[in-house]
Protein backbone atom coordinates (compact mmCIF):
# COMPACT_ATOMS: atom_id res chain seq x y z
CA MET A 1 0.00 0.00 0.00
CA SER A 2 1.52 3.32 -1.01
CA VAL A 3 0.65 6.61 0.60
CA SER A 4 0.16 9.55 -1.69
CA THR A 5 1.32 13.10 -1.09
CA PHE A 6 0.11 16.33 -2.58
CA ILE A 7 1.93 19.26 -4.13
CA TYR A 8 0.31 22.46 -5.30
CA ASN A 9 0.83 24.60 -8.39
CA ILE A 10 -0.46 28.05 -9.23
CA ILE A 11 -1.64 28.25 -12.82
CA ASP A 12 -3.40 30.82 -15.00
CA CYS A 13 -6.48 30.25 -17.16
CA HIS A 14 -4.28 28.99 -20.02
CA GLY A 15 -2.63 26.32 -17.85
CA LYS A 16 0.71 28.14 -17.60
CA ALA A 17 2.41 27.49 -14.27
CA TRP A 18 3.32 30.61 -12.31
CA GLU A 19 4.59 28.68 -9.27
CA SER A 20 5.05 24.95 -8.90
CA ASN A 21 5.87 22.28 -6.32
CA ILE A 22 4.47 24.19 -3.36
CA PRO A 23 4.51 21.71 -0.45
CA THR A 24 1.39 22.81 1.52
CA GLN A 25 -2.04 24.11 0.64
CA GLU A 26 -1.62 27.00 3.09
CA ALA A 27 1.59 28.12 1.37
CA ALA A 28 -0.14 27.84 -2.01
CA GLU A 29 -3.06 29.99 -0.85
CA THR A 30 -0.64 32.61 0.52
CA ALA A 31 1.33 32.66 -2.74
CA LEU A 32 -1.93 32.88 -4.71
CA THR A 33 -3.06 35.90 -2.67
CA MET A 34 0.26 37.65 -3.25
CA LEU A 35 0.29 36.90 -7.00
CA GLN A 36 -3.32 38.04 -7.41
CA ALA A 37 -2.54 41.32 -5.63
CA ALA A 38 0.43 41.91 -7.96
CA ASN A 39 -1.45 40.80 -11.11
CA PRO A 40 -5.15 41.64 -10.65
CA GLU A 41 -5.89 41.34 -14.38
CA THR A 42 -4.75 37.70 -14.57
CA PRO A 43 -7.08 34.99 -13.23
CA LEU A 44 -5.02 32.48 -11.23
CA MET A 45 -5.94 29.31 -9.36
CA VAL A 46 -4.37 26.60 -7.24
CA GLU A 47 -4.01 23.19 -8.86
CA THR A 48 -3.59 20.13 -6.64
CA GLN A 49 -1.34 17.35 -7.89
CA GLN A 50 -1.30 13.93 -6.21
CA ILE A 51 1.99 12.05 -6.20
CA TYR A 52 2.48 8.39 -5.38
CA PRO A 53 5.97 7.45 -4.22
CA VAL A 54 7.25 4.36 -5.96
CA GLN A 55 8.47 1.64 -3.65
CA GLY A 56 9.46 -1.93 -4.16
CA LEU A 57 10.92 -1.69 -7.64
CA GLY A 58 14.43 -2.86 -8.24
CA ARG A 59 16.70 -5.59 -7.01
CA ASP A 60 16.06 -7.14 -3.60
CA PRO A 61 19.50 -7.65 -1.99
CA ASP A 62 18.16 -10.50 0.17
CA LEU A 63 17.38 -12.57 -2.92
CA HIS A 64 20.71 -12.15 -4.72
């Protein structure tokens, strides 16, 4: 069973990333507020990306 983690990206309406790999939702919301204040004419939003760490692939040293 693998546990997923989330990272957050700030994108515009065209899908262009303004900020990426933000580790927490709170940090993403803070960055979004700051970017919206600096660029009021550009609609921005937070995109959530789910990441699954890969485990168990590769050579098992106990078997070789």
